[in-house]
Amino acid sequence: MEARAQLNNARISARKVKIVIDVIKGKKATEAMAILKYTNKAAAPMIAKLLKSAIANAKNNHSMNETTLYVAEAYANQGPTMKRIMPKAKGSADRIRKRTSHITIVLKEA
């Protein structure tokens, strides 16, 4: 039995999210929440909110015990990239890529 939560099109690059995700993989859900609370990265609040959602899904949809949950899988895939233009010198322009990501967290009972 597993419970999952997914956040699509998060406005942060997958590369930045993977740094935080690697810290919580394999940890207990409560321990992972404590780690995310004190992690000083931009992705940490997003992942904490997603982890709360996964815990709620486990409790309400699958009747799992909150104390025995652990982060079985967590991954971030690249989402669509928004392309913008930044004016540069001599009338030229540069492309700016605003990257997004799809973040998924899977919880299982120990």
N, C-alpha and C. Protein backbone atom coordinates (compact mmCIF):
# COMPACT_ATOMS: atom_id res chain seq x y z
N MET A 1 0.85 -1.18 0.00
CA MET A 1 0.00 0.00 0.00
C MET A 1 0.89 1.24 0.00
N GLU A 2 0.54 2.19 -0.84
CA GLU A 2 1.31 3.42 -0.89
C GLU A 2 0.39 4.61 -1.07
N ALA A 3 0.84 5.74 -0.57
CA ALA A 3 0.11 7.00 -0.73
C ALA A 3 1.05 7.96 -1.45
N ARG A 4 0.50 8.71 -2.39
CA ARG A 4 1.35 9.62 -3.14
C ARG A 4 0.71 10.99 -3.25
N ALA A 5 1.56 11.98 -3.48
CA ALA A 5 1.11 13.34 -3.75
C ALA A 5 2.02 13.90 -4.83
N GLN A 6 1.44 14.69 -5.72
CA GLN A 6 2.21 15.21 -6.85
C GLN A 6 1.92 16.69 -7.02
N LEU A 7 2.97 17.44 -7.30
CA LEU A 7 2.86 18.87 -7.59
C LEU A 7 3.38 19.08 -9.00
N ASN A 8 2.50 19.51 -9.89
CA ASN A 8 2.88 19.73 -11.28
C ASN A 8 3.16 21.21 -11.54
N ASN A 9 4.08 21.49 -12.42
CA ASN A 9 4.41 22.84 -12.87
C ASN A 9 4.84 23.76 -11.73
N ALA A 10 5.62 23.25 -10.80
CA ALA A 10 6.16 24.09 -9.72
C ALA A 10 7.19 25.03 -10.33
N ARG A 11 7.14 26.31 -9.97
CA ARG A 11 7.99 27.30 -10.60
C ARG A 11 9.40 27.33 -9.98
N ILE A 12 10.05 26.19 -10.05
CA ILE A 12 11.43 26.07 -9.60
C ILE A 12 12.05 24.94 -10.42
N SER A 13 13.32 25.05 -10.72
CA SER A 13 13.93 24.04 -11.57
C SER A 13 14.08 22.71 -10.82
N ALA A 14 14.00 21.63 -11.57
CA ALA A 14 14.09 20.29 -10.99
C ALA A 14 15.44 20.07 -10.32
N ARG A 15 16.46 20.70 -10.85
CA ARG A 15 17.81 20.57 -10.30
C ARG A 15 17.88 21.08 -8.86
N LYS A 16 17.21 22.20 -8.59
CA LYS A 16 17.19 22.76 -7.24
C LYS A 16 16.36 21.92 -6.29
N VAL A 17 15.29 21.32 -6.81
CA VAL A 17 14.40 20.49 -5.99
C VAL A 17 15.10 19.19 -5.60
N LYS A 18 15.85 18.61 -6.52
CA LYS A 18 16.51 17.32 -6.26
C LYS A 18 17.48 17.38 -5.10
N ILE A 19 18.11 18.54 -4.89
CA ILE A 19 19.04 18.71 -3.77
C ILE A 19 18.31 18.48 -2.44
N VAL A 20 17.12 19.04 -2.30
CA VAL A 20 16.35 18.91 -1.06
C VAL A 20 15.72 17.53 -0.95
N ILE A 21 15.25 17.00 -2.07
CA ILE A 21 14.60 15.68 -2.07
C ILE A 21 15.56 14.59 -1.62
N ASP A 22 16.82 14.68 -2.05
CA ASP A 22 17.80 13.66 -1.69
C ASP A 22 18.04 13.58 -0.18
N VAL A 23 17.79 14.69 0.52
CA VAL A 23 17.98 14.73 1.97
C VAL A 23 16.91 13.92 2.70
N ILE A 24 15.67 13.91 2.17
CA ILE A 24 14.56 13.27 2.89
C ILE A 24 14.23 11.86 2.43
N LYS A 25 14.84 11.39 1.35
CA LYS A 25 14.54 10.04 0.85
C LYS A 25 14.88 8.99 1.90
N GLY A 26 13.94 8.07 2.12
CA GLY A 26 14.16 6.98 3.05
C GLY A 26 13.93 7.31 4.51
N LYS A 27 13.66 8.56 4.83
CA LYS A 27 13.43 8.97 6.21
C LYS A 27 11.96 8.76 6.60
N LYS A 28 11.71 8.71 7.91
CA LYS A 28 10.34 8.67 8.40
C LYS A 28 9.66 9.99 8.03
N ALA A 29 8.35 9.96 7.86
CA ALA A 29 7.61 11.16 7.42
C ALA A 29 7.74 12.30 8.44
N THR A 30 7.66 11.97 9.73
CA THR A 30 7.76 13.02 10.75
C THR A 30 9.16 13.61 10.80
N GLU A 31 10.16 12.75 10.63
CA GLU A 31 11.56 13.21 10.61
C GLU A 31 11.82 14.08 9.38
N ALA A 32 11.24 13.69 8.25
CA ALA A 32 11.41 14.46 7.01
C ALA A 32 10.79 15.85 7.15
N MET A 33 9.63 15.94 7.83
CA MET A 33 9.00 17.25 8.06
C MET A 33 9.88 18.14 8.91
N ALA A 34 10.51 17.56 9.93
CA ALA A 34 11.40 18.33 10.80
C ALA A 34 12.63 18.82 10.03
N ILE A 35 13.17 17.98 9.16
CA ILE A 35 14.32 18.36 8.35
C ILE A 35 13.95 19.51 7.41
N LEU A 36 12.79 19.38 6.76
CA LEU A 36 12.37 20.41 5.80
C LEU A 36 12.08 21.74 6.48
N LYS A 37 11.63 21.69 7.72
CA LYS A 37 11.32 22.92 8.46
C LYS A 37 12.56 23.79 8.62
N TYR A 38 13.73 23.16 8.79
CA TYR A 38 14.95 23.91 9.03
C TYR A 38 15.91 23.92 7.84
N THR A 39 15.45 23.47 6.69
CA THR A 39 16.29 23.51 5.49
C THR A 39 16.15 24.87 4.83
N ASN A 40 17.28 25.52 4.60
CA ASN A 40 17.27 26.88 4.06
C ASN A 40 17.42 26.85 2.54
N LYS A 41 16.45 26.28 1.86
CA LYS A 41 16.43 26.24 0.40
C LYS A 41 15.05 26.68 -0.08
N ALA A 42 14.98 27.20 -1.30
CA ALA A 42 13.71 27.70 -1.83
C ALA A 42 12.69 26.59 -2.04
N ALA A 43 13.17 25.39 -2.31
CA ALA A 43 12.27 24.27 -2.58
C ALA A 43 11.69 23.66 -1.31
N ALA A 44 12.29 23.90 -0.16
CA ALA A 44 11.88 23.24 1.09
C ALA A 44 10.41 23.49 1.47
N PRO A 45 9.91 24.74 1.41
CA PRO A 45 8.49 24.94 1.76
C PRO A 45 7.53 24.21 0.82
N MET A 46 7.86 24.16 -0.47
CA MET A 46 7.02 23.46 -1.44
C MET A 46 6.97 21.97 -1.14
N ILE A 47 8.13 21.39 -0.85
CA ILE A 47 8.21 19.96 -0.58
C ILE A 47 7.54 19.63 0.75
N ALA A 48 7.66 20.53 1.73
CA ALA A 48 7.00 20.31 3.03
C ALA A 48 5.49 20.28 2.86
N LYS A 49 4.96 21.20 2.06
CA LYS A 49 3.52 21.23 1.81
C LYS A 49 3.07 19.97 1.08
N LEU A 50 3.87 19.51 0.14
CA LEU A 50 3.56 18.30 -0.61
C LEU A 50 3.62 17.06 0.29
N LEU A 51 4.59 17.03 1.20
CA LEU A 51 4.70 15.92 2.15
C LEU A 51 3.50 15.88 3.09
N LYS A 52 3.04 17.05 3.53
CA LYS A 52 1.83 17.11 4.37
C LYS A 52 0.63 16.54 3.63
N SER A 53 0.54 16.87 2.35
CA SER A 53 -0.55 16.37 1.52
C SER A 53 -0.47 14.86 1.38
N ALA A 54 0.73 14.33 1.18
CA ALA A 54 0.90 12.88 1.05
C ALA A 54 0.53 12.16 2.36
N ILE A 55 0.88 12.77 3.49
CA ILE A 55 0.52 12.20 4.79
C ILE A 55 -1.00 12.19 4.97
N ALA A 56 -1.65 13.28 4.58
CA ALA A 56 -3.11 13.37 4.67
C ALA A 56 -3.77 12.34 3.76
N ASN A 57 -3.21 12.15 2.56
CA ASN A 57 -3.73 11.13 1.64
C ASN A 57 -3.62 9.74 2.25
N ALA A 58 -2.50 9.46 2.90
CA ALA A 58 -2.28 8.16 3.53
C ALA A 58 -3.29 7.91 4.65
N LYS A 59 -3.50 8.92 5.48
CA LYS A 59 -4.42 8.78 6.60
C LYS A 59 -5.87 8.65 6.14
N ASN A 60 -6.30 9.55 5.28
CA ASN A 60 -7.72 9.63 4.93
C ASN A 60 -8.14 8.65 3.83
N ASN A 61 -7.30 8.44 2.84
CA ASN A 61 -7.69 7.60 1.71
C ASN A 61 -7.34 6.13 1.90
N HIS A 62 -6.23 5.86 2.60
CA HIS A 62 -5.74 4.49 2.71
C HIS A 62 -5.73 3.96 4.14
N SER A 63 -6.18 4.75 5.11
CA SER A 63 -6.25 4.38 6.53
C SER A 63 -4.90 3.88 7.05
N MET A 64 -3.84 4.54 6.69
CA MET A 64 -2.50 4.17 7.16
C MET A 64 -2.20 4.89 8.46
N ASN A 65 -1.30 4.32 9.25
CA ASN A 65 -0.89 4.91 10.52
C ASN A 65 0.21 5.94 10.25
N GLU A 66 -0.01 7.16 10.72
CA GLU A 66 0.92 8.27 10.45
C GLU A 66 2.32 8.04 11.03
N THR A 67 2.40 7.34 12.13
CA THR A 67 3.70 7.16 12.80
C THR A 67 4.60 6.15 12.09
N THR A 68 4.01 5.29 11.26
CA THR A 68 4.82 4.26 10.60
C THR A 68 5.17 4.62 9.15
N LEU A 69 4.77 5.79 8.70
CA LEU A 69 5.02 6.18 7.30
C LEU A 69 6.47 6.59 7.10
N TYR A 70 7.00 6.25 5.92
CA TYR A 70 8.33 6.72 5.53
C TYR A 70 8.31 7.11 4.05
N VAL A 71 9.26 7.94 3.65
CA VAL A 71 9.35 8.42 2.27
C VAL A 71 10.01 7.33 1.44
N ALA A 72 9.20 6.58 0.70
CA ALA A 72 9.70 5.46 -0.10
C ALA A 72 10.35 5.98 -1.38
N GLU A 73 9.68 6.92 -2.04
CA GLU A 73 10.20 7.50 -3.28
C GLU A 73 9.95 9.00 -3.24
N ALA A 74 10.85 9.74 -3.84
CA ALA A 74 10.67 11.16 -4.03
C ALA A 74 11.50 11.55 -5.24
N TYR A 75 10.86 12.16 -6.20
CA TYR A 75 11.60 12.54 -7.39
C TYR A 75 11.02 13.81 -8.00
N ALA A 76 11.85 14.49 -8.78
CA ALA A 76 11.45 15.72 -9.48
C ALA A 76 11.84 15.59 -10.94
N ASN A 77 10.87 15.71 -11.80
CA ASN A 77 11.11 15.66 -13.23
C ASN A 77 10.97 17.06 -13.82
N GLN A 78 11.62 17.27 -14.94
CA GLN A 78 11.55 18.57 -15.58
C GLN A 78 10.18 18.79 -16.20
N GLY A 79 9.60 19.98 -15.96
CA GLY A 79 8.32 20.33 -16.53
C GLY A 79 8.52 21.23 -17.74
N PRO A 80 7.46 21.86 -18.21
CA PRO A 80 7.59 22.75 -19.36
C PRO A 80 8.42 23.98 -19.00
N THR A 81 9.16 24.47 -19.98
CA THR A 81 10.01 25.65 -19.78
C THR A 81 9.35 26.86 -20.43
N MET A 82 9.17 27.93 -19.64
CA MET A 82 8.64 29.17 -20.21
C MET A 82 9.79 29.96 -20.80
N LYS A 83 9.63 30.42 -22.02
CA LYS A 83 10.69 31.16 -22.68
C LYS A 83 10.34 32.64 -22.70
N ARG A 84 11.26 33.46 -22.21
CA ARG A 84 11.07 34.90 -22.16
C ARG A 84 12.26 35.56 -22.84
N ILE A 85 12.11 36.85 -23.15
CA ILE A 85 13.20 37.56 -23.83
C ILE A 85 13.64 38.74 -22.98
N MET A 86 14.97 38.90 -22.86
CA MET A 86 15.58 40.00 -22.10
C MET A 86 16.33 40.88 -23.10
N PRO A 87 15.98 42.17 -23.19
CA PRO A 87 16.70 43.06 -24.11
C PRO A 87 18.18 43.19 -23.72
N LYS A 88 19.02 43.22 -24.74
CA LYS A 88 20.47 43.35 -24.53
C LYS A 88 21.01 44.52 -25.35
N ALA A 89 22.31 44.67 -25.31
CA ALA A 89 22.95 45.81 -25.96
C ALA A 89 22.79 45.76 -27.49
N LYS A 90 22.81 46.93 -28.11
CA LYS A 90 22.76 47.11 -29.57
C LYS A 90 21.51 46.50 -30.20
N GLY A 91 20.40 46.55 -29.50
CA GLY A 91 19.13 46.09 -30.06
C GLY A 91 18.95 44.59 -30.14
N SER A 92 19.86 43.83 -29.55
CA SER A 92 19.73 42.38 -29.59
C SER A 92 18.92 41.89 -28.38
N ALA A 93 18.68 40.61 -28.34
CA ALA A 93 17.90 40.05 -27.24
C ALA A 93 18.48 38.70 -26.83
N ASP A 94 18.28 38.36 -25.57
CA ASP A 94 18.72 37.08 -25.03
C ASP A 94 17.50 36.29 -24.58
N ARG A 95 17.58 34.99 -24.67
CA ARG A 95 16.49 34.13 -24.23
C ARG A 95 16.67 33.80 -22.76
N ILE A 96 15.60 33.93 -22.00
CA ILE A 96 15.60 33.53 -20.59
C ILE A 96 14.70 32.32 -20.48
N ARG A 97 15.19 31.27 -19.83
CA ARG A 97 14.40 30.06 -19.65
C ARG A 97 13.93 29.98 -18.20
N LYS A 98 12.63 30.05 -18.00
CA LYS A 98 12.06 29.91 -16.66
C LYS A 98 11.58 28.47 -16.52
N ARG A 99 12.36 27.69 -15.81
CA ARG A 99 12.12 26.25 -15.74
C ARG A 99 11.08 25.90 -14.67
N THR A 100 10.35 24.84 -14.95
CA THR A 100 9.38 24.32 -13.98
C THR A 100 9.68 22.85 -13.74
N SER A 101 9.03 22.28 -12.74
CA SER A 101 9.27 20.87 -12.42
C SER A 101 8.00 20.20 -11.92
N HIS A 102 7.97 18.89 -12.05
CA HIS A 102 6.90 18.06 -11.52
C HIS A 102 7.51 17.27 -10.35
N ILE A 103 6.98 17.49 -9.14
CA ILE A 103 7.53 16.86 -7.94
C ILE A 103 6.55 15.79 -7.45
N THR A 104 7.06 14.60 -7.12
CA THR A 104 6.23 13.51 -6.63
C THR A 104 6.84 12.92 -5.36
N ILE A 105 5.97 12.66 -4.38
CA ILE A 105 6.39 12.01 -3.13
C ILE A 105 5.51 10.78 -2.92
N VAL A 106 6.14 9.64 -2.63
CA VAL A 106 5.42 8.39 -2.36
C VAL A 106 5.74 7.93 -0.95
N LEU A 107 4.72 7.68 -0.15
CA LEU A 107 4.88 7.21 1.22
C LEU A 107 4.42 5.76 1.33
N LYS A 108 5.12 4.99 2.13
CA LYS A 108 4.72 3.60 2.43
C LYS A 108 4.80 3.38 3.93
N GLU A 109 4.13 2.32 4.38
CA GLU A 109 4.17 1.95 5.79
C GLU A 109 5.35 1.03 6.04
N ALA A 110 6.04 1.26 7.17
CA ALA A 110 7.20 0.42 7.50
C ALA A 110 6.76 -0.93 8.04
